[in-house]
Amino acid sequence: MFPLHREREQPIYSTRAHVFQIDPGTKRNWIPASKHAVTVSFFYDANRHAYRIISVGGTKAIINSMISPNMTFTKTSQKFGQWADSRANTVYGLGFATENQLHQFAERFKEVREAARMAREKSQDKMELSSAALSIAAPQFSQDLSDELQSPPVMCVNGPDDKLFRSQSADITLSSEKERIKKMLSEGSICEMNLEAELFTLQDSNSKLVAALHEANANVEQWKKQLAAYQDETERLRDQVSELEAHGGGQGPSDMLKDELTQSLEELENLLKAKDEEIRILQSKKSNYHELEREREEAVHRLQELEMRNMDLERRVQNTEQNLSSALEDRERAENEVQRVVQILDVKIYDLNDLRQSLVKLISK
């Protein structure tokens, strides 16, 4: 039913509980987030290696909490537990029907938190590998710069200053481009989270409508059978009334029986009208279900477009990092060349100075 959603996130555990949120004003009292027990699920995003707790009540997501390694689920009573979400700046509380459900949820929370910690460590390892070249080049550049500042005035020629100024300008341009792309990526992630919350809401509404539609279809079949039975009964009663009118004439007992049959016939006709009205209402609900299905498809399409945009931004970030690495290598080669030229100039200046002293001695003789 939801191929894209199943590909991105998979539910790994579900339970039912009453959801509460801490009062932002007092930070002590609990505010009910749901009027009755709702489904609370753990989801795993395979693309981002992230875990979330999600619960949808009515038409909105009442819990959308990203699990981090520093989160802790605390049991405050036999059937109640809570955890703090610094991203959402709130504290969530869950009230369970039994102590066993609370224990199962707490154990699953620990498992998911440990998995989130391992996923973060793997992500940090990848980040360290990708930034290894920059980490090695930075100290070398600082050492070269300090050597230049401590060198004699004769080494400060126009060539190295101009090269260094151009390389610093290129670094500033690449850094600003990288920051701009990261900002675009963060904005895309926020839009993606909003669309996912909307998708979860549509999913919950869709499941409820599907269940109601199945139940309505089963009831329609049952009512059709009842209608056929009532129609047969009505025809039989009409035949009996006709026979009694033909044979009874104007006798008292026949008139009483006729009145009873007529009353039963009217009741059956009223019941038939009521069932027809219920069938009409169920058919109108079918049209609402199709409208919600179209809205869900539009949300899925928007989510696909957003994912494509995020992939494009990620490619641009990778290209920018490659360009930055190439620029750092070019600057290092340029600095080495400048250092070599400066050394040659030092030798030439020394030779010229020696030649000048030789000429002075020759003239003085």
Protein backbone atom coordinates (compact mmCIF):
# COMPACT_ATOMS: atom_id res chain seq x y z
CA MET A 1 0.00 0.00 0.00
CA PHE A 2 2.90 2.34 0.84
CA PRO A 3 5.95 1.08 -1.10
CA LEU A 4 8.03 4.22 -0.65
CA HIS A 5 7.29 4.47 3.03
CA ARG A 6 8.17 0.82 3.64
CA GLU A 7 11.42 1.34 1.77
CA ARG A 8 12.43 4.31 3.94
CA GLU A 9 11.17 3.36 7.40
CA GLN A 10 10.13 0.07 8.93
CA PRO A 11 8.13 -0.40 12.15
CA ILE A 12 10.08 -2.67 14.50
CA TYR A 13 7.81 -2.63 17.57
CA SER A 14 4.30 -1.36 18.38
CA THR A 15 2.18 -1.13 21.52
CA ARG A 16 -0.79 0.85 22.82
CA ALA A 17 -0.64 3.44 25.60
CA HIS A 18 -2.08 6.74 26.80
CA VAL A 19 0.21 9.60 25.71
CA PHE A 20 1.04 12.63 27.90
CA GLN A 21 3.28 15.69 27.56
CA ILE A 22 4.77 17.81 30.31
CA ASP A 23 3.18 21.22 30.91
CA PRO A 24 5.65 23.75 29.38
CA GLY A 25 4.62 26.36 31.94
CA THR A 26 4.96 24.46 35.21
CA LYS A 27 7.27 21.62 34.07
CA ARG A 28 5.49 19.46 36.67
CA ASN A 29 1.94 18.68 35.54
CA TRP A 30 1.08 16.23 32.74
CA ILE A 31 -1.17 17.25 29.84
CA PRO A 32 -3.02 14.38 28.05
CA ALA A 33 -2.06 14.28 24.36
CA SER A 34 -4.69 11.62 23.51
CA LYS A 35 -8.22 11.00 24.78
CA HIS A 36 -7.76 7.24 24.68
CA ALA A 37 -5.02 4.68 24.19
CA VAL A 38 -3.22 5.04 20.83
CA THR A 39 -0.60 3.03 18.97
CA VAL A 40 3.03 3.92 19.80
CA SER A 41 5.64 2.47 17.42
CA PHE A 42 9.42 2.33 16.99
CA PHE A 43 10.50 3.05 13.39
CA TYR A 44 13.90 2.50 11.75
CA ASP A 45 15.11 4.65 8.82
CA ALA A 46 17.55 2.48 6.84
CA ASN A 47 18.80 5.37 4.68
CA ARG A 48 19.78 7.66 7.58
CA HIS A 49 20.35 4.85 10.13
CA ALA A 50 18.03 6.64 12.58
CA TYR A 51 15.38 5.44 15.04
CA ARG A 52 12.19 7.28 15.96
CA ILE A 53 9.16 6.85 18.23
CA ILE A 54 5.99 7.86 16.39
CA SER A 55 2.35 7.94 17.48
CA VAL A 56 -0.54 9.35 15.48
CA GLY A 57 -3.77 10.40 17.17
CA GLY A 58 -6.71 11.49 15.03
CA THR A 59 -5.30 13.66 12.23
CA LYS A 60 -1.96 14.71 13.74
CA ALA A 61 1.28 13.17 14.98
CA ILE A 62 1.36 13.49 18.79
CA ILE A 63 4.81 11.85 19.14
CA ASN A 64 7.68 12.28 16.64
CA SER A 65 10.79 11.73 18.76
CA MET A 66 14.23 10.99 17.29
CA ILE A 67 16.09 8.59 19.60
CA SER A 68 19.62 9.61 20.58
CA PRO A 69 22.21 7.65 22.62
CA ASN A 70 21.88 10.00 25.62
CA MET A 71 18.11 9.47 26.05
CA THR A 72 16.82 7.52 29.07
CA PHE A 73 13.41 5.95 29.63
CA THR A 74 12.46 6.15 33.33
CA LYS A 75 9.78 4.07 35.05
CA THR A 76 8.00 6.37 37.51
CA SER A 77 5.32 3.88 38.60
CA GLN A 78 4.17 0.32 37.86
CA LYS A 79 2.36 1.34 34.67
CA PHE A 80 3.88 4.72 33.74
CA GLY A 81 7.18 5.78 32.18
CA GLN A 82 8.70 8.91 30.64
CA TRP A 83 11.64 10.24 28.59
CA ALA A 84 12.94 13.71 27.69
CA ASP A 85 13.40 14.86 24.08
CA SER A 86 15.78 17.82 23.84
CA ARG A 87 15.04 18.29 20.11
CA ALA A 88 11.32 18.76 20.75
CA ASN A 89 12.03 20.57 24.06
CA THR A 90 9.48 18.47 25.93
CA VAL A 91 9.02 15.36 28.09
CA TYR A 92 6.79 12.51 26.90
CA GLY A 93 4.90 10.19 29.27
CA LEU A 94 3.21 6.86 28.50
CA GLY A 95 0.56 5.14 30.60
CA PHE A 96 0.19 1.41 29.92
CA ALA A 97 -2.62 -0.99 30.72
CA THR A 98 -0.34 -3.57 32.38
CA GLU A 99 3.07 -3.64 34.04
CA ASN A 100 4.28 -6.19 31.48
CA GLN A 101 3.65 -3.75 28.60
CA LEU A 102 5.69 -1.08 30.40
CA HIS A 103 8.55 -3.53 30.95
CA GLN A 104 8.55 -4.60 27.27
CA PHE A 105 8.57 -0.98 26.08
CA ALA A 106 11.46 -0.09 28.43
CA GLU A 107 13.53 -3.06 27.22
CA ARG A 108 12.89 -2.19 23.58
CA PHE A 109 13.82 1.46 24.30
CA LYS A 110 17.21 0.31 25.66
CA GLU A 111 17.84 -1.88 22.60
CA VAL A 112 16.98 0.92 20.18
CA ARG A 113 19.09 3.44 22.12
CA GLU A 114 22.10 1.09 21.92
CA ALA A 115 21.51 0.61 18.19
CA ALA A 116 21.35 4.40 17.74
CA ARG A 117 24.66 4.74 19.59
CA MET A 118 26.34 2.19 17.32
CA ALA A 119 24.90 3.89 14.22
CA ARG A 120 26.25 7.25 15.40
CA GLU A 121 29.71 5.80 15.99
CA LYS A 122 29.76 4.32 12.48
CA SER A 123 28.68 7.69 11.06
CA GLN A 124 31.42 9.49 13.00
CA ASP A 125 34.01 7.03 11.69
CA LYS A 126 32.93 7.79 8.13
CA MET A 127 33.12 11.54 8.83
CA GLU A 128 36.63 11.16 10.24
CA LEU A 129 37.77 9.24 7.15
CA SER A 130 36.31 11.83 4.78
CA SER A 131 37.95 14.73 6.64
CA ALA A 132 41.35 13.03 7.12
CA ALA A 133 42.97 14.96 4.24
CA LEU A 134 41.78 18.31 5.62
CA SER A 135 42.97 17.44 9.13
CA ILE A 136 46.47 16.60 7.83
CA ALA A 137 46.75 19.63 5.55
CA ALA A 138 45.71 22.19 8.19
CA PRO A 139 48.74 21.78 10.55
CA GLN A 140 51.15 21.78 7.59
CA PHE A 141 49.65 25.01 6.31
CA SER A 142 49.91 26.61 9.78
CA GLN A 143 53.58 25.58 10.05
CA ASP A 144 54.39 26.98 6.59
CA LEU A 145 52.67 30.24 7.43
CA SER A 146 54.58 30.62 10.71
CA ASP A 147 57.86 29.93 8.87
CA GLU A 148 57.09 32.68 6.41
CA LEU A 149 56.31 35.15 9.20
CA GLN A 150 59.61 34.38 10.96
CA SER A 151 61.78 34.51 7.77
CA PRO A 152 64.03 37.50 6.83
CA PRO A 153 62.52 40.52 5.05
CA VAL A 154 64.24 39.59 1.79
CA MET A 155 61.90 36.57 1.43
CA CYS A 156 58.78 38.75 1.37
CA VAL A 157 58.51 39.39 -2.34
CA ASN A 158 55.34 40.25 -4.28
CA GLY A 159 54.97 36.76 -5.81
CA PRO A 160 54.27 34.73 -2.61
CA ASP A 161 51.95 37.39 -1.15
CA ASP A 162 49.89 37.43 -4.30
CA LYS A 163 49.69 33.60 -4.41
CA LEU A 164 48.71 33.42 -0.74
CA PHE A 165 46.01 36.09 -1.16
CA ARG A 166 44.49 34.24 -4.11
CA SER A 167 44.51 30.89 -2.29
CA GLN A 168 42.84 32.44 0.78
CA SER A 169 40.16 34.01 -1.44
CA ALA A 170 39.51 30.60 -3.02
CA ASP A 171 39.19 29.04 0.47
CA ILE A 172 36.65 31.69 1.53
CA THR A 173 34.61 31.17 -1.64
CA LEU A 174 34.57 27.37 -1.26
CA SER A 175 33.71 27.59 2.44
CA SER A 176 30.79 29.97 1.83
CA GLU A 177 29.48 27.71 -0.96
CA LYS A 178 29.72 24.69 1.34
CA GLU A 179 27.85 26.49 4.15
CA ARG A 180 25.11 27.57 1.73
CA ILE A 181 24.60 24.00 0.49
CA LYS A 182 24.52 22.68 4.08
CA LYS A 183 21.84 25.26 4.90
CA MET A 184 19.79 24.10 1.89
CA LEU A 185 20.18 20.50 3.07
CA SER A 186 18.92 21.36 6.56
CA GLU A 187 15.89 23.17 5.12
CA GLY A 188 15.18 20.16 2.92
CA SER A 189 15.37 17.86 5.97
CA ILE A 190 12.81 20.01 7.82
CA CYS A 191 10.41 19.86 4.87
CA GLU A 192 10.97 16.12 4.65
CA MET A 193 10.06 15.66 8.34
CA ASN A 194 6.86 17.69 7.86
CA LEU A 195 5.89 15.59 4.85
CA GLU A 196 6.62 12.39 6.77
CA ALA A 197 4.38 13.51 9.64
CA GLU A 198 1.64 14.29 7.12
CA LEU A 199 2.19 10.89 5.53
CA PHE A 200 1.85 9.14 8.89
CA THR A 201 -1.42 11.02 9.50
CA LEU A 202 -2.77 9.99 6.09
CA GLN A 203 -1.64 6.41 6.73
CA ASP A 204 -3.56 6.25 10.02
CA SER A 205 -6.70 7.79 8.45
CA ASN A 206 -6.39 5.46 5.48
CA SER A 207 -6.13 2.36 7.69
CA LYS A 208 -9.20 3.43 9.65
CA LEU A 209 -11.17 4.05 6.46
CA VAL A 210 -10.09 0.70 5.01
CA ALA A 211 -11.23 -1.09 8.17
CA ALA A 212 -14.52 0.82 8.13
CA LEU A 213 -14.98 0.05 4.44
CA HIS A 214 -14.39 -3.68 4.96
CA GLU A 215 -16.83 -3.66 7.86
CA ALA A 216 -19.36 -1.73 5.79
CA ASN A 217 -19.04 -4.15 2.88
CA ALA A 218 -19.63 -7.08 5.24
CA ASN A 219 -22.64 -5.29 6.74
CA VAL A 220 -24.01 -4.50 3.26
CA GLU A 221 -23.91 -8.16 2.30
CA GLN A 222 -25.65 -9.09 5.55
CA TRP A 223 -28.23 -6.37 5.09
CA LYS A 224 -28.91 -7.48 1.52
CA LYS A 225 -29.69 -10.95 2.81
CA GLN A 226 -31.93 -9.47 5.49
CA LEU A 227 -33.66 -7.29 2.90
CA ALA A 228 -34.33 -10.32 0.71
CA ALA A 229 -35.74 -12.18 3.73
CA TYR A 230 -37.89 -9.16 4.68
CA GLN A 231 -39.16 -8.86 1.11
CA ASP A 232 -40.12 -12.53 1.07
CA GLU A 233 -41.83 -12.10 4.42
CA THR A 234 -43.66 -9.04 3.11
CA GLU A 235 -44.91 -10.89 0.06
CA ARG A 236 -46.03 -13.78 2.23
CA LEU A 237 -47.90 -11.45 4.58
CA ARG A 238 -49.53 -9.69 1.65
CA ASP A 239 -50.70 -13.04 0.30
CA GLN A 240 -52.10 -13.91 3.71
CA VAL A 241 -53.91 -10.58 3.88
CA SER A 242 -55.40 -11.14 0.44
CA GLU A 243 -56.58 -14.64 1.41
CA LEU A 244 -58.10 -13.38 4.64
CA GLU A 245 -59.90 -10.58 2.79
CA ALA A 246 -61.24 -13.09 0.24
CA HIS A 247 -62.42 -15.65 2.80
CA GLY A 248 -63.11 -13.66 5.91
CA GLY A 249 -65.54 -11.10 4.58
CA GLY A 250 -66.38 -8.71 7.37
CA GLN A 251 -65.80 -10.98 10.39
CA GLY A 252 -64.24 -9.42 13.54
CA PRO A 253 -61.31 -11.81 14.12
CA SER A 254 -60.27 -11.48 10.47
CA ASP A 255 -60.26 -7.69 10.75
CA MET A 256 -58.07 -7.86 13.84
CA LEU A 257 -55.64 -10.20 12.11
CA LYS A 258 -55.65 -7.94 9.08
CA ASP A 259 -54.73 -4.95 11.24
CA GLU A 260 -51.88 -6.85 12.84
CA LEU A 261 -50.53 -7.96 9.48
CA THR A 262 -50.85 -4.43 8.09
CA GLN A 263 -48.91 -3.07 11.07
CA SER A 264 -46.20 -5.69 10.63
CA LEU A 265 -46.02 -4.82 6.96
CA GLU A 266 -45.56 -1.12 7.75
CA GLU A 267 -42.80 -1.92 10.23
CA LEU A 268 -40.98 -4.01 7.67
CA GLU A 269 -41.27 -1.23 5.07
CA ASN A 270 -39.87 1.30 7.57
CA LEU A 271 -37.01 -1.07 8.31
CA LEU A 272 -36.31 -1.41 4.59
CA LYS A 273 -36.17 2.39 4.24
CA ALA A 274 -33.73 2.63 7.18
CA LYS A 275 -31.43 0.01 5.66
CA ASP A 276 -31.53 1.81 2.30
CA GLU A 277 -30.48 5.02 4.05
CA GLU A 278 -27.58 3.27 5.78
CA ILE A 279 -26.43 1.84 2.43
CA ARG A 280 -26.52 5.35 0.93
CA ILE A 281 -24.40 6.74 3.81
CA LEU A 282 -21.82 3.98 3.37
CA GLN A 283 -21.60 4.71 -0.35
CA SER A 284 -20.89 8.39 0.42
CA LYS A 285 -18.10 7.31 2.80
CA LYS A 286 -16.57 5.39 -0.10
CA SER A 287 -16.17 8.64 -2.03
CA ASN A 288 -14.42 10.25 0.97
CA TYR A 289 -12.03 7.31 1.08
CA HIS A 290 -11.08 7.87 -2.57
CA GLU A 291 -10.37 11.56 -1.86
CA LEU A 292 -8.05 10.64 1.01
CA GLU A 293 -6.33 8.11 -1.22
CA ARG A 294 -5.63 10.86 -3.77
CA GLU A 295 -4.24 13.13 -1.04
CA ARG A 296 -1.96 10.32 0.14
CA GLU A 297 -0.66 9.78 -3.40
CA GLU A 298 0.07 13.52 -3.72
CA ALA A 299 1.99 13.47 -0.42
CA VAL A 300 4.02 10.46 -1.59
CA HIS A 301 4.80 12.26 -4.86
CA ARG A 302 5.98 15.37 -2.98
CA LEU A 303 8.13 13.20 -0.73
CA GLN A 304 9.75 11.58 -3.78
CA GLU A 305 10.53 15.00 -5.25
CA LEU A 306 12.06 16.10 -1.94
CA GLU A 307 14.24 12.99 -1.79
CA MET A 308 15.49 13.64 -5.31
CA ARG A 309 16.31 17.22 -4.31
CA ASN A 310 18.19 16.02 -1.23
CA MET A 311 20.18 13.56 -3.35
CA ASP A 312 21.14 16.39 -5.72
CA LEU A 313 22.23 18.56 -2.78
CA GLU A 314 24.31 15.72 -1.38
CA ARG A 315 26.04 15.31 -4.75
CA ARG A 316 26.77 19.04 -4.79
CA VAL A 317 28.26 18.85 -1.29
CA GLN A 318 30.50 15.98 -2.39
CA ASN A 319 31.62 17.93 -5.46
CA THR A 320 32.35 20.97 -3.29
CA GLU A 321 34.43 18.88 -0.89
CA GLN A 322 36.38 17.43 -3.83
CA ASN A 323 36.97 20.93 -5.24
CA LEU A 324 38.11 22.12 -1.81
CA SER A 325 40.55 19.23 -1.56
CA SER A 326 41.90 19.96 -5.05
CA ALA A 327 42.28 23.64 -4.19
CA LEU A 328 44.24 22.79 -1.04
CA GLU A 329 46.54 20.51 -3.04
CA ASP A 330 47.09 23.26 -5.67
CA ARG A 331 47.87 25.78 -2.95
CA GLU A 332 50.37 23.42 -1.33
CA ARG A 333 52.13 22.89 -4.66
CA ALA A 334 52.17 26.67 -5.25
CA GLU A 335 53.67 27.30 -1.81
CA ASN A 336 56.37 24.69 -2.45
CA GLU A 337 57.17 26.38 -5.76
CA VAL A 338 57.33 29.79 -4.11
CA GLN A 339 59.62 28.39 -1.41
CA ARG A 340 61.92 26.98 -4.09
CA VAL A 341 62.00 30.33 -5.95
CA VAL A 342 62.76 32.18 -2.72
CA GLN A 343 65.65 29.85 -1.99
CA ILE A 344 67.04 30.42 -5.50
CA LEU A 345 66.69 34.18 -4.99
CA ASP A 346 68.56 33.92 -1.69
CA VAL A 347 71.42 32.14 -3.45
CA LYS A 348 71.46 34.73 -6.25
CA ILE A 349 71.43 37.60 -3.77
CA TYR A 350 74.28 36.00 -1.85
CA ASP A 351 76.28 35.57 -5.08
CA LEU A 352 75.62 39.18 -6.08
CA ASN A 353 76.69 40.40 -2.66
CA ASP A 354 79.87 38.33 -2.90
CA LEU A 355 80.53 39.71 -6.40
CA ARG A 356 79.98 43.28 -5.15
CA GLN A 357 82.50 42.79 -2.35
CA SER A 358 85.00 41.32 -4.82
CA LEU A 359 84.56 44.32 -7.12
CA VAL A 360 85.04 46.73 -4.23
CA LYS A 361 88.25 44.99 -3.22
CA LEU A 362 89.44 45.02 -6.85
CA ILE A 363 88.71 48.73 -7.23
CA SER A 364 90.42 49.56 -3.95
CA LYS A 365 93.59 47.84 -5.16
